Amino acid sequence: MELYLDSVDFKEIEAALDFGFIKGLTTTPTFMHRHGITDIDGAIVKLSKMVPELQVEALGNNPDEILAEAERLLGLGLAKPPVFKVPISNEGVKACKRLTDKGHRVNVHLIYTLNQAYMAMEAGAAFICPLAGRMQDQGHDAIQLFEQCVEVIDRYGYNAKVMFSSVRHAEHVRQAMLTGVHVCTMPYSVMKNLCENTLTALGTAQFREHTQLMTMRVKDVIRAANPVCQTSETLTNAMVKMTESRLGVVTLVDAAGAVAGVFTDGDLRRKLQSDGRGILDKSFAAIGFSKSPLTIDRDSLLNDAVKVFKKAEVDSIVVVNGTKPVGVLDVQDLIKLGLLGQEHL
């Protein structure tokens, strides 16, 4: 089943063409009026240069007027000959036959009965176009008509293609495929959502999560900030470095630069509550700190880091290269990646 876009919105058309397999574009005067297009001829010329095949209305009260309009459109300098859309009627099928005899292709549309479709087939129409949504609005069995059109074409060997049009939702597209129609033309609002599915989205997110866990390493996600203090520095210095780094922890190192411990914003609050502001000018060596920090090697997989966070229930882990601190892995970094839930905050 070939896929056509039903639109005159140039942004939508460009987006649809980006799929790479749109076969053509159907237009109507109603669409052009709705989108505020005043230079209809100019729009038709532009559209003809954008799409693989353009189907455009050739209106008239009789075959002569319809053919004259078709010739006028051809004289606009289109990039390629269009398919002329002609509403079903006695005059319309006469015009279809004359256009077809001249080598043009015609879409006979606004079809609501099998008899109308038959007359269009006999006239040599390239496309037979019932309108599903409009028929269903009136309580008619549109799907049965599409099935009958396909059956008649197959039985008698007509060259026409059945086009499923007036598509309102994704279910129409599914029904179009099951009826065996040759073409389905639809608005971009329907087309862009055909690949969407909640279960697919969940599965994709899970695959992405597992890929990150097994391929990304801690060094790939740690922040540039690496707040570090000597154990001889004061608590005030630590507060400044926490604020600058936007992290709730500083790594404490000894004289050789190796990890000696950590001091967190939680430790800060507890010390202030128990000892008062006087501790701000004291060194870490004097006030004390955690000497058994959780660390993880910079080359460890994120999967290992997730295990540490889940087991230890901490907010941050010191990242090391050997014995030297190279950064801090914050629990929020993994939550943003979707590797941990908000419950770990």
C-alpha atoms as a PDB file:
ATOM      1  CA  MET A   1       0.000   0.000   0.000  1.00  0.00           C
ATOM      2  CA  GLU A   2       1.504   3.289  -1.118  1.00  0.00           C
ATOM      3  CA  LEU A   3       1.631   6.165   1.320  1.00  0.00           C
ATOM      4  CA  TYR A   4       0.514   9.670   0.300  1.00  0.00           C
ATOM      5  CA  LEU A   5       0.300  12.840   2.344  1.00  0.00           C
ATOM      6  CA  ASP A   6      -2.951  14.820   2.360  1.00  0.00           C
ATOM      7  CA  SER A   7      -1.900  18.417   3.045  1.00  0.00           C
ATOM      8  CA  VAL A   8      -0.891  21.823   1.684  1.00  0.00           C
ATOM      9  CA  ASP A   9       1.096  22.830   4.779  1.00  0.00           C
ATOM     10  CA  PHE A  10       4.652  23.258   3.500  1.00  0.00           C
ATOM     11  CA  LYS A  11       6.268  22.503   6.877  1.00  0.00           C
ATOM     12  CA  GLU A  12       4.234  19.317   7.206  1.00  0.00           C
ATOM     13  CA  ILE A  13       5.143  18.319   3.665  1.00  0.00           C
ATOM     14  CA  GLU A  14       8.858  18.784   4.330  1.00  0.00           C
ATOM     15  CA  ALA A  15       8.569  16.752   7.532  1.00  0.00           C
ATOM     16  CA  ALA A  16       6.699  13.944   5.765  1.00  0.00           C
ATOM     17  CA  LEU A  17       9.139  13.843   2.851  1.00  0.00           C
ATOM     18  CA  ASP A  18      11.923  13.343   5.376  1.00  0.00           C
ATOM     19  CA  PHE A  19      10.613   9.792   5.850  1.00  0.00           C
ATOM     20  CA  GLY A  20      12.009   9.128   2.388  1.00  0.00           C
ATOM     21  CA  PHE A  21       9.204   6.892   1.129  1.00  0.00           C
ATOM     22  CA  ILE A  22       6.197   9.170   0.645  1.00  0.00           C
ATOM     23  CA  LYS A  23       4.902   8.488  -2.881  1.00  0.00           C
ATOM     24  CA  GLY A  24       2.871  11.627  -3.434  1.00  0.00           C
ATOM     25  CA  LEU A  25       0.699  14.473  -2.208  1.00  0.00           C
ATOM     26  CA  THR A  26      -3.052  15.021  -2.467  1.00  0.00           C
ATOM     27  CA  THR A  27      -4.475  18.533  -2.197  1.00  0.00           C
ATOM     28  CA  THR A  28      -7.880  20.174  -2.135  1.00  0.00           C
ATOM     29  CA  PRO A  29      -9.126  23.757  -2.569  1.00  0.00           C
ATOM     30  CA  THR A  30     -10.533  23.432   0.960  1.00  0.00           C
ATOM     31  CA  PHE A  31      -7.044  22.814   2.378  1.00  0.00           C
ATOM     32  CA  MET A  32      -5.660  25.834   0.550  1.00  0.00           C
ATOM     33  CA  HIS A  33      -8.474  28.056   1.788  1.00  0.00           C
ATOM     34  CA  ARG A  34      -8.036  26.752   5.338  1.00  0.00           C
ATOM     35  CA  HIS A  35      -4.315  27.541   5.301  1.00  0.00           C
ATOM     36  CA  GLY A  36      -4.865  31.034   3.976  1.00  0.00           C
ATOM     37  CA  ILE A  37      -3.261  30.431   0.578  1.00  0.00           C
ATOM     38  CA  THR A  38      -4.286  33.203  -1.822  1.00  0.00           C
ATOM     39  CA  ASP A  39      -1.868  32.479  -4.676  1.00  0.00           C
ATOM     40  CA  ILE A  40      -3.190  29.008  -5.500  1.00  0.00           C
ATOM     41  CA  ASP A  41      -1.292  28.718  -8.783  1.00  0.00           C
ATOM     42  CA  GLY A  42       1.957  29.689  -7.102  1.00  0.00           C
ATOM     43  CA  ALA A  43       1.372  27.100  -4.379  1.00  0.00           C
ATOM     44  CA  ILE A  44       0.696  24.395  -6.977  1.00  0.00           C
ATOM     45  CA  VAL A  45       3.940  25.191  -8.812  1.00  0.00           C
ATOM     46  CA  LYS A  46       5.895  25.094  -5.543  1.00  0.00           C
ATOM     47  CA  LEU A  47       4.289  21.827  -4.479  1.00  0.00           C
ATOM     48  CA  SER A  48       5.050  20.212  -7.845  1.00  0.00           C
ATOM     49  CA  LYS A  49       8.741  20.844  -7.220  1.00  0.00           C
ATOM     50  CA  MET A  50       8.638  19.344  -3.735  1.00  0.00           C
ATOM     51  CA  VAL A  51       6.870  15.995  -4.072  1.00  0.00           C
ATOM     52  CA  PRO A  52       7.323  12.869  -6.220  1.00  0.00           C
ATOM     53  CA  GLU A  53       3.731  13.111  -7.459  1.00  0.00           C
ATOM     54  CA  LEU A  54       1.195  15.923  -7.083  1.00  0.00           C
ATOM     55  CA  GLN A  55      -2.543  15.340  -7.272  1.00  0.00           C
ATOM     56  CA  VAL A  56      -4.378  18.595  -7.873  1.00  0.00           C
ATOM     57  CA  GLU A  57      -7.985  19.573  -8.538  1.00  0.00           C
ATOM     58  CA  ALA A  58      -9.208  20.284 -12.087  1.00  0.00           C
ATOM     59  CA  LEU A  59     -12.667  21.761 -11.628  1.00  0.00           C
ATOM     60  CA  GLY A  60     -15.298  22.632 -14.209  1.00  0.00           C
ATOM     61  CA  ASN A  61     -19.003  22.331 -14.916  1.00  0.00           C
ATOM     62  CA  ASN A  62     -18.527  20.176 -18.010  1.00  0.00           C
ATOM     63  CA  PRO A  63     -15.801  18.167 -19.759  1.00  0.00           C
ATOM     64  CA  ASP A  64     -14.640  21.125 -21.826  1.00  0.00           C
ATOM     65  CA  GLU A  65     -14.164  23.309 -18.768  1.00  0.00           C
ATOM     66  CA  ILE A  66     -12.405  20.511 -16.862  1.00  0.00           C
ATOM     67  CA  LEU A  67     -10.005  19.885 -19.767  1.00  0.00           C
ATOM     68  CA  ALA A  68      -9.418  23.614 -20.149  1.00  0.00           C
ATOM     69  CA  GLU A  69      -8.523  23.867 -16.453  1.00  0.00           C
ATOM     70  CA  ALA A  70      -6.181  20.887 -16.785  1.00  0.00           C
ATOM     71  CA  GLU A  71      -4.430  22.534 -19.741  1.00  0.00           C
ATOM     72  CA  ARG A  72      -4.188  25.789 -17.802  1.00  0.00           C
ATOM     73  CA  LEU A  73      -2.548  24.012 -14.888  1.00  0.00           C
ATOM     74  CA  LEU A  74      -0.074  22.326 -17.230  1.00  0.00           C
ATOM     75  CA  GLY A  75       0.814  25.753 -18.599  1.00  0.00           C
ATOM     76  CA  LEU A  76       1.928  26.991 -15.173  1.00  0.00           C
ATOM     77  CA  GLY A  77       5.346  25.423 -15.593  1.00  0.00           C
ATOM     78  CA  LEU A  78       4.953  22.507 -13.187  1.00  0.00           C
ATOM     79  CA  ALA A  79       7.980  20.371 -12.452  1.00  0.00           C
ATOM     80  CA  LYS A  80       6.155  17.287 -13.736  1.00  0.00           C
ATOM     81  CA  PRO A  81       2.645  16.482 -15.016  1.00  0.00           C
ATOM     82  CA  PRO A  82       0.223  16.134 -12.081  1.00  0.00           C
ATOM     83  CA  VAL A  83      -2.585  13.685 -11.479  1.00  0.00           C
ATOM     84  CA  PHE A  84      -5.799  15.603 -12.063  1.00  0.00           C
ATOM     85  CA  LYS A  85      -8.468  15.203  -9.400  1.00  0.00           C
ATOM     86  CA  VAL A  86     -12.028  15.250 -10.757  1.00  0.00           C
ATOM     87  CA  PRO A  87     -15.195  14.805  -8.645  1.00  0.00           C
ATOM     88  CA  ILE A  88     -17.405  11.909  -9.687  1.00  0.00           C
ATOM     89  CA  SER A  89     -20.354  12.884 -11.945  1.00  0.00           C
ATOM     90  CA  ASN A  90     -21.505  12.171 -15.486  1.00  0.00           C
ATOM     91  CA  GLU A  91     -19.549  15.195 -16.638  1.00  0.00           C
ATOM     92  CA  GLY A  92     -16.598  14.158 -14.501  1.00  0.00           C
ATOM     93  CA  VAL A  93     -16.263  10.663 -15.973  1.00  0.00           C
ATOM     94  CA  LYS A  94     -16.542  12.101 -19.491  1.00  0.00           C
ATOM     95  CA  ALA A  95     -13.686  14.451 -18.660  1.00  0.00           C
ATOM     96  CA  CYS A  96     -11.742  11.568 -17.100  1.00  0.00           C
ATOM     97  CA  LYS A  97     -12.022   9.554 -20.318  1.00  0.00           C
ATOM     98  CA  ARG A  98     -10.889  12.474 -22.467  1.00  0.00           C
ATOM     99  CA  LEU A  99      -7.961  13.300 -20.147  1.00  0.00           C
ATOM    100  CA  THR A 100      -6.957   9.635 -20.041  1.00  0.00           C
ATOM    101  CA  ASP A 101      -7.069   9.409 -23.834  1.00  0.00           C
ATOM    102  CA  LYS A 102      -4.641  12.338 -23.903  1.00  0.00           C
ATOM    103  CA  GLY A 103      -2.222  10.408 -21.693  1.00  0.00           C
ATOM    104  CA  HIS A 104      -3.035  12.110 -18.407  1.00  0.00           C
ATOM    105  CA  ARG A 105      -3.740  10.344 -15.121  1.00  0.00           C
ATOM    106  CA  VAL A 106      -6.949  11.118 -13.240  1.00  0.00           C
ATOM    107  CA  ASN A 107      -8.104  10.621  -9.657  1.00  0.00           C
ATOM    108  CA  VAL A 108     -11.893  10.419  -9.590  1.00  0.00           C
ATOM    109  CA  HIS A 109     -12.843  11.268  -6.025  1.00  0.00           C
ATOM    110  CA  LEU A 110     -15.786  12.092  -3.750  1.00  0.00           C
ATOM    111  CA  ILE A 111     -16.986   8.532  -4.412  1.00  0.00           C
ATOM    112  CA  TYR A 112     -19.613   7.105  -2.067  1.00  0.00           C
ATOM    113  CA  THR A 113     -21.064   4.130  -3.966  1.00  0.00           C
ATOM    114  CA  LEU A 114     -19.771   1.151  -5.903  1.00  0.00           C
ATOM    115  CA  ASN A 115     -21.698   2.291  -8.960  1.00  0.00           C
ATOM    116  CA  GLN A 116     -19.828   5.590  -8.910  1.00  0.00           C
ATOM    117  CA  ALA A 117     -16.549   3.693  -8.583  1.00  0.00           C
ATOM    118  CA  TYR A 118     -17.501   1.447 -11.523  1.00  0.00           C
ATOM    119  CA  MET A 119     -18.156   4.429 -13.809  1.00  0.00           C
ATOM    120  CA  ALA A 120     -14.781   5.909 -12.882  1.00  0.00           C
ATOM    121  CA  MET A 121     -13.041   2.590 -13.584  1.00  0.00           C
ATOM    122  CA  GLU A 122     -14.694   2.359 -16.987  1.00  0.00           C
ATOM    123  CA  ALA A 123     -13.596   5.931 -17.738  1.00  0.00           C
ATOM    124  CA  GLY A 124      -9.992   4.867 -17.196  1.00  0.00           C
ATOM    125  CA  ALA A 125      -9.376   6.558 -13.837  1.00  0.00           C
ATOM    126  CA  ALA A 126      -5.935   5.920 -12.423  1.00  0.00           C
ATOM    127  CA  PHE A 127      -7.269   6.342  -8.885  1.00  0.00           C
ATOM    128  CA  ILE A 128     -10.670   5.565  -7.356  1.00  0.00           C
ATOM    129  CA  CYS A 129     -11.082   7.619  -4.204  1.00  0.00           C
ATOM    130  CA  PRO A 130     -13.911   7.017  -1.702  1.00  0.00           C
ATOM    131  CA  LEU A 131     -13.827   9.061   1.521  1.00  0.00           C
ATOM    132  CA  ALA A 132     -13.809   6.893   4.623  1.00  0.00           C
ATOM    133  CA  GLY A 133     -14.266   9.496   7.326  1.00  0.00           C
ATOM    134  CA  ARG A 134     -17.016  11.392   5.551  1.00  0.00           C
ATOM    135  CA  MET A 135     -18.924   8.190   4.782  1.00  0.00           C
ATOM    136  CA  GLN A 136     -18.727   7.010   8.379  1.00  0.00           C
ATOM    137  CA  ASP A 137     -19.909  10.432   9.569  1.00  0.00           C
ATOM    138  CA  GLN A 138     -23.122   9.691   7.658  1.00  0.00           C
ATOM    139  CA  GLY A 139     -23.439   6.185   9.087  1.00  0.00           C
ATOM    140  CA  HIS A 140     -22.351   4.322   5.923  1.00  0.00           C
ATOM    141  CA  ASP A 141     -20.110   1.236   5.802  1.00  0.00           C
ATOM    142  CA  ALA A 142     -17.048   2.795   4.186  1.00  0.00           C
ATOM    143  CA  ILE A 143     -14.854  -0.254   4.720  1.00  0.00           C
ATOM    144  CA  GLN A 144     -17.209  -2.486   2.766  1.00  0.00           C
ATOM    145  CA  LEU A 145     -17.086  -0.061  -0.176  1.00  0.00           C
ATOM    146  CA  PHE A 146     -13.276  -0.137  -0.244  1.00  0.00           C
ATOM    147  CA  GLU A 147     -13.317  -3.938  -0.164  1.00  0.00           C
ATOM    148  CA  GLN A 148     -15.846  -4.041  -3.021  1.00  0.00           C
ATOM    149  CA  CYS A 149     -13.779  -1.631  -5.135  1.00  0.00           C
ATOM    150  CA  VAL A 150     -10.663  -3.754  -4.689  1.00  0.00           C
ATOM    151  CA  GLU A 151     -12.619  -6.915  -5.524  1.00  0.00           C
ATOM    152  CA  VAL A 152     -14.083  -5.403  -8.713  1.00  0.00           C
ATOM    153  CA  ILE A 153     -10.656  -4.236  -9.903  1.00  0.00           C
ATOM    154  CA  ASP A 154      -9.177  -7.676  -9.277  1.00  0.00           C
ATOM    155  CA  ARG A 155     -12.111  -9.490 -10.918  1.00  0.00           C
ATOM    156  CA  TYR A 156     -12.316  -7.423 -14.089  1.00  0.00           C
ATOM    157  CA  GLY A 157      -8.713  -6.310 -14.466  1.00  0.00           C
ATOM    158  CA  TYR A 158      -9.199  -2.555 -14.268  1.00  0.00           C
ATOM    159  CA  ASN A 159      -5.969  -0.545 -14.049  1.00  0.00           C
ATOM    160  CA  ALA A 160      -7.263   1.781 -11.328  1.00  0.00           C
ATOM    161  CA  LYS A 161      -5.814   1.981  -7.839  1.00  0.00           C
ATOM    162  CA  VAL A 162      -8.152   2.353  -4.876  1.00  0.00           C
ATOM    163  CA  MET A 163      -7.145   5.285  -2.671  1.00  0.00           C
ATOM    164  CA  PHE A 164      -8.246   5.293   0.962  1.00  0.00           C
ATOM    165  CA  SER A 165      -8.877   8.951   1.853  1.00  0.00           C
ATOM    166  CA  SER A 166     -10.535  11.109   4.536  1.00  0.00           C
ATOM    167  CA  VAL A 167      -8.336   9.420   7.115  1.00  0.00           C
ATOM    168  CA  ARG A 168      -9.129  10.562  10.649  1.00  0.00           C
ATOM    169  CA  HIS A 169      -7.011   8.319  12.869  1.00  0.00           C
ATOM    170  CA  ALA A 170      -4.546   5.439  12.942  1.00  0.00           C
ATOM    171  CA  GLU A 171      -7.305   2.828  12.965  1.00  0.00           C
ATOM    172  CA  HIS A 172      -8.294   4.003   9.484  1.00  0.00           C
ATOM    173  CA  VAL A 173      -4.786   3.175   8.269  1.00  0.00           C
ATOM    174  CA  ARG A 174      -5.010  -0.327   9.728  1.00  0.00           C
ATOM    175  CA  GLN A 175      -8.386  -0.820   8.071  1.00  0.00           C
ATOM    176  CA  ALA A 176      -7.000   0.467   4.765  1.00  0.00           C
ATOM    177  CA  MET A 177      -4.286  -2.196   4.774  1.00  0.00           C
ATOM    178  CA  LEU A 178      -6.736  -4.962   5.634  1.00  0.00           C
ATOM    179  CA  THR A 179      -9.126  -3.986   2.833  1.00  0.00           C
ATOM    180  CA  GLY A 180      -6.320  -4.348   0.292  1.00  0.00           C
ATOM    181  CA  VAL A 181      -6.444  -0.804  -1.089  1.00  0.00           C
ATOM    182  CA  HIS A 182      -3.505   0.286  -3.173  1.00  0.00           C
ATOM    183  CA  VAL A 183      -2.972   3.777  -1.742  1.00  0.00           C
ATOM    184  CA  CYS A 184      -3.697   5.542   1.524  1.00  0.00           C
ATOM    185  CA  THR A 185      -3.514   9.329   1.762  1.00  0.00           C
ATOM    186  CA  MET A 186      -3.559  10.835   5.228  1.00  0.00           C
ATOM    187  CA  PRO A 187      -2.890  14.031   7.169  1.00  0.00           C
ATOM    188  CA  TYR A 188       0.505  14.450   8.790  1.00  0.00           C
ATOM    189  CA  SER A 189      -1.102  14.421  12.255  1.00  0.00           C
ATOM    190  CA  VAL A 190      -1.984  10.760  11.658  1.00  0.00           C
ATOM    191  CA  MET A 191       1.165   9.822   9.737  1.00  0.00           C
ATOM    192  CA  LYS A 192       3.617  11.027  12.382  1.00  0.00           C
ATOM    193  CA  ASN A 193       1.975   8.897  15.085  1.00  0.00           C
ATOM    194  CA  LEU A 194       1.818   5.577  13.225  1.00  0.00           C
ATOM    195  CA  CYS A 195       5.062   4.371  14.835  1.00  0.00           C
ATOM    196  CA  GLU A 196       3.987   5.420  18.332  1.00  0.00           C
ATOM    197  CA  ASN A 197       3.067   2.797  20.924  1.00  0.00           C
ATOM    198  CA  THR A 198       3.339   2.856  24.708  1.00  0.00           C
ATOM    199  CA  LEU A 199       4.799  -0.641  24.922  1.00  0.00           C
ATOM    200  CA  THR A 200       7.360   0.187  22.240  1.00  0.00           C
ATOM    201  CA  ALA A 201       8.371   3.324  24.146  1.00  0.00           C
ATOM    202  CA  LEU A 202       8.761   1.349  27.367  1.00  0.00           C
ATOM    203  CA  GLY A 203      10.799  -1.342  25.651  1.00  0.00           C
ATOM    204  CA  THR A 204      13.035   1.203  23.928  1.00  0.00           C
ATOM    205  CA  ALA A 205      13.661   3.014  27.212  1.00  0.00           C
ATOM    206  CA  GLN A 206      14.560  -0.289  28.845  1.00  0.00           C
ATOM    207  CA  PHE A 207      16.980  -1.238  26.059  1.00  0.00           C
ATOM    208  CA  ARG A 208      18.569   2.204  26.257  1.00  0.00           C
ATOM    209  CA  GLU A 209      18.900   1.914  30.025  1.00  0.00           C
ATOM    210  CA  HIS A 210      20.510  -1.508  29.853  1.00  0.00           C
ATOM    211  CA  THR A 211      22.856  -0.399  27.083  1.00  0.00           C
ATOM    212  CA  GLN A 212      24.007   2.539  29.191  1.00  0.00           C
ATOM    213  CA  LEU A 213      24.489   0.317  32.213  1.00  0.00           C
ATOM    214  CA  MET A 214      26.663  -2.146  30.315  1.00  0.00           C
ATOM    215  CA  THR A 215      28.612   0.191  28.036  1.00  0.00           C
ATOM    216  CA  MET A 216      28.932   3.619  29.688  1.00  0.00           C
ATOM    217  CA  ARG A 217      31.531   4.170  32.353  1.00  0.00           C
ATOM    218  CA  VAL A 218      31.607   6.400  35.405  1.00  0.00           C
ATOM    219  CA  LYS A 219      34.104   8.757  33.752  1.00  0.00           C
ATOM    220  CA  ASP A 220      31.567   9.376  30.956  1.00  0.00           C
ATOM    221  CA  VAL A 221      29.006  10.989  33.261  1.00  0.00           C
ATOM    222  CA  ILE A 222      30.818  12.616  36.186  1.00  0.00           C
ATOM    223  CA  ARG A 223      30.663  16.367  36.332  1.00  0.00           C
ATOM    224  CA  ALA A 224      33.613  18.613  35.621  1.00  0.00           C
ATOM    225  CA  ALA A 225      33.564  19.922  39.196  1.00  0.00           C
ATOM    226  CA  ASN A 226      35.829  18.063  41.626  1.00  0.00           C
ATOM    227  CA  PRO A 227      35.648  19.796  45.032  1.00  0.00           C
ATOM    228  CA  VAL A 228      38.678  18.747  47.082  1.00  0.00           C
ATOM    229  CA  CYS A 229      40.048  20.000  50.425  1.00  0.00           C
ATOM    230  CA  GLN A 230      43.146  19.162  52.421  1.00  0.00           C
ATOM    231  CA  THR A 231      42.400  17.856  55.893  1.00  0.00           C
ATOM    232  CA  SER A 232      44.211  20.947  57.199  1.00  0.00           C
ATOM    233  CA  GLU A 233      41.710  23.325  55.511  1.00  0.00           C
ATOM    234  CA  THR A 234      38.805  24.912  57.349  1.00  0.00           C
ATOM    235  CA  LEU A 235      35.136  24.122  57.132  1.00  0.00           C
ATOM    236  CA  THR A 236      34.560  27.556  55.572  1.00  0.00           C
ATOM    237  CA  ASN A 237      36.699  26.538  52.601  1.00  0.00           C
ATOM    238  CA  ALA A 238      34.592  23.423  52.187  1.00  0.00           C
ATOM    239  CA  MET A 239      31.360  25.455  52.167  1.00  0.00           C
ATOM    240  CA  VAL A 240      32.740  27.670  49.401  1.00  0.00           C
ATOM    241  CA  LYS A 241      33.775  24.681  47.277  1.00  0.00           C
ATOM    242  CA  MET A 242      30.416  22.950  47.765  1.00  0.00           C
ATOM    243  CA  THR A 243      28.626  26.104  46.659  1.00  0.00           C
ATOM    244  CA  GLU A 244      30.859  26.610  43.616  1.00  0.00           C
ATOM    245  CA  SER A 245      30.559  22.992  42.486  1.00  0.00           C
ATOM    246  CA  ARG A 246      26.827  22.697  43.270  1.00  0.00           C
ATOM    247  CA  LEU A 247      27.605  19.393  44.945  1.00  0.00           C
ATOM    248  CA  GLY A 248      26.796  18.440  48.510  1.00  0.00           C
ATOM    249  CA  VAL A 249      30.177  16.926  49.248  1.00  0.00           C
ATOM    250  CA  VAL A 250      33.909  17.664  49.296  1.00  0.00           C
ATOM    251  CA  THR A 251      36.565  14.985  49.059  1.00  0.00           C
ATOM    252  CA  LEU A 252      39.280  15.266  51.700  1.00  0.00           C
ATOM    253  CA  VAL A 253      42.825  14.339  50.750  1.00  0.00           C
ATOM    254  CA  ASP A 254      46.042  13.851  52.653  1.00  0.00           C
ATOM    255  CA  ALA A 255      49.362  15.537  51.948  1.00  0.00           C
ATOM    256  CA  ALA A 256      50.042  13.073  49.113  1.00  0.00           C
ATOM    257  CA  GLY A 257      46.719  13.859  47.422  1.00  0.00           C
ATOM    258  CA  ALA A 258      45.187  10.481  48.196  1.00  0.00           C
ATOM    259  CA  VAL A 259      41.603  10.162  49.392  1.00  0.00           C
ATOM    260  CA  ALA A 260      41.458  10.532  53.176  1.00  0.00           C
ATOM    261  CA  GLY A 261      37.710  10.972  53.665  1.00  0.00           C
ATOM    262  CA  VAL A 262      34.617  13.007  52.769  1.00  0.00           C
ATOM    263  CA  PHE A 263      32.576  15.770  54.302  1.00  0.00           C
ATOM    264  CA  THR A 264      28.963  16.312  53.194  1.00  0.00           C
ATOM    265  CA  ASP A 265      26.411  19.076  53.540  1.00  0.00           C
ATOM    266  CA  GLY A 266      24.615  16.768  55.978  1.00  0.00           C
ATOM    267  CA  ASP A 267      27.780  16.607  58.113  1.00  0.00           C
ATOM    268  CA  LEU A 268      27.918  20.396  57.979  1.00  0.00           C
ATOM    269  CA  ARG A 269      24.376  20.815  59.329  1.00  0.00           C
ATOM    270  CA  ARG A 270      24.942  18.312  62.087  1.00  0.00           C
ATOM    271  CA  LYS A 271      28.215  19.960  63.181  1.00  0.00           C
ATOM    272  CA  LEU A 272      26.644  23.420  63.246  1.00  0.00           C
ATOM    273  CA  GLN A 273      23.713  22.156  65.289  1.00  0.00           C
ATOM    274  CA  SER A 274      25.933  20.387  67.818  1.00  0.00           C
ATOM    275  CA  ASP A 275      28.963  22.688  68.020  1.00  0.00           C
ATOM    276  CA  GLY A 276      27.780  26.074  66.724  1.00  0.00           C
ATOM    277  CA  ARG A 277      29.347  28.560  64.299  1.00  0.00           C
ATOM    278  CA  GLY A 278      32.724  28.361  65.990  1.00  0.00           C
ATOM    279  CA  ILE A 279      33.551  25.259  64.007  1.00  0.00           C
ATOM    280  CA  LEU A 280      33.583  27.184  60.691  1.00  0.00           C
ATOM    281  CA  ASP A 281      37.163  28.314  61.227  1.00  0.00           C
ATOM    282  CA  LYS A 282      38.386  24.938  62.427  1.00  0.00           C
ATOM    283  CA  SER A 283      40.191  22.394  60.275  1.00  0.00           C
ATOM    284  CA  PHE A 284      38.777  19.057  59.312  1.00  0.00           C
ATOM    285  CA  ALA A 285      41.557  17.384  61.264  1.00  0.00           C
ATOM    286  CA  ALA A 286      40.213  19.147  64.350  1.00  0.00           C
ATOM    287  CA  ILE A 287      36.459  18.648  63.911  1.00  0.00           C
ATOM    288  CA  GLY A 288      36.551  15.168  62.394  1.00  0.00           C
ATOM    289  CA  PHE A 289      35.185  13.650  59.177  1.00  0.00           C
ATOM    290  CA  SER A 290      34.189  10.336  57.601  1.00  0.00           C
ATOM    291  CA  LYS A 291      37.383   8.381  56.992  1.00  0.00           C
ATOM    292  CA  SER A 292      35.714   5.515  55.111  1.00  0.00           C
ATOM    293  CA  PRO A 293      34.183   7.126  52.026  1.00  0.00           C
ATOM    294  CA  LEU A 294      32.538   5.126  49.292  1.00  0.00           C
ATOM    295  CA  THR A 295      34.699   5.236  46.179  1.00  0.00           C
ATOM    296  CA  ILE A 296      34.432   3.873  42.663  1.00  0.00           C
ATOM    297  CA  ASP A 297      37.026   3.677  39.922  1.00  0.00           C
ATOM    298  CA  ARG A 298      36.557   6.079  37.016  1.00  0.00           C
ATOM    299  CA  ASP A 299      36.637   3.149  34.563  1.00  0.00           C
ATOM    300  CA  SER A 300      33.866   1.207  36.329  1.00  0.00           C
ATOM    301  CA  LEU A 301      30.637   0.545  34.439  1.00  0.00           C
ATOM    302  CA  LEU A 302      27.558   2.539  35.397  1.00  0.00           C
ATOM    303  CA  ASN A 303      25.973  -0.784  36.265  1.00  0.00           C
ATOM    304  CA  ASP A 304      28.481  -1.076  39.138  1.00  0.00           C
ATOM    305  CA  ALA A 305      27.745   2.470  40.282  1.00  0.00           C
ATOM    306  CA  VAL A 306      23.990   1.767  40.347  1.00  0.00           C
ATOM    307  CA  LYS A 307      24.604  -1.261  42.551  1.00  0.00           C
ATOM    308  CA  VAL A 308      26.611   0.853  45.003  1.00  0.00           C
ATOM    309  CA  PHE A 309      23.910   3.535  45.205  1.00  0.00           C
ATOM    310  CA  LYS A 310      21.171   0.971  45.744  1.00  0.00           C
ATOM    311  CA  LYS A 311      23.099  -0.901  48.423  1.00  0.00           C
ATOM    312  CA  ALA A 312      24.587   2.039  50.341  1.00  0.00           C
ATOM    313  CA  GLU A 313      21.663   4.491  49.924  1.00  0.00           C
ATOM    314  CA  VAL A 314      23.980   7.499  49.666  1.00  0.00           C
ATOM    315  CA  ASP A 315      23.745  10.695  47.604  1.00  0.00           C
ATOM    316  CA  SER A 316      27.256  10.688  46.186  1.00  0.00           C
ATOM    317  CA  ILE A 317      30.282   8.499  45.549  1.00  0.00           C
ATOM    318  CA  VAL A 318      33.878   9.683  45.232  1.00  0.00           C
ATOM    319  CA  VAL A 319      35.342   8.754  41.851  1.00  0.00           C
ATOM    320  CA  VAL A 320      39.002   7.800  41.926  1.00  0.00           C
ATOM    321  CA  ASN A 321      41.853   7.032  39.605  1.00  0.00           C
ATOM    322  CA  GLY A 322      44.016   4.819  41.725  1.00  0.00           C
ATOM    323  CA  THR A 323      44.079   6.628  45.099  1.00  0.00           C
ATOM    324  CA  LYS A 324      43.496  10.135  43.714  1.00  0.00           C
ATOM    325  CA  PRO A 325      40.002  11.693  43.544  1.00  0.00           C
ATOM    326  CA  VAL A 326      38.957  12.770  40.031  1.00  0.00           C
ATOM    327  CA  GLY A 327      35.362  13.722  40.663  1.00  0.00           C
ATOM    328  CA  VAL A 328      32.080  12.945  42.351  1.00  0.00           C
ATOM    329  CA  LEU A 329      29.240  10.801  41.006  1.00  0.00           C
ATOM    330  CA  ASP A 330      25.986  12.264  42.272  1.00  0.00           C
ATOM    331  CA  VAL A 331      22.819  10.165  42.507  1.00  0.00           C
ATOM    332  CA  GLN A 332      20.961  12.826  40.504  1.00  0.00           C
ATOM    333  CA  ASP A 333      23.276  12.188  37.542  1.00  0.00           C
ATOM    334  CA  LEU A 334      21.993   8.618  37.299  1.00  0.00           C
ATOM    335  CA  ILE A 335      18.385   9.625  37.935  1.00  0.00           C
ATOM    336  CA  LYS A 336      18.556  12.046  34.985  1.00  0.00           C
ATOM    337  CA  LEU A 337      19.787   9.195  32.796  1.00  0.00           C
ATOM    338  CA  GLY A 338      16.846   7.068  33.931  1.00  0.00           C
ATOM    339  CA  LEU A 339      19.120   4.530  35.597  1.00  0.00           C
ATOM    340  CA  LEU A 340      17.739   5.168  39.081  1.00  0.00           C
ATOM    341  CA  GLY A 341      14.296   6.252  40.245  1.00  0.00           C
ATOM    342  CA  GLN A 342      13.361   9.346  42.239  1.00  0.00           C
ATOM    343  CA  GLU A 343      13.027   7.168  45.332  1.00  0.00           C
ATOM    344  CA  HIS A 344      16.827   7.151  45.574  1.00  0.00           C
ATOM    345  CA  LEU A 345      16.968  10.895  46.253  1.00  0.00           C
END
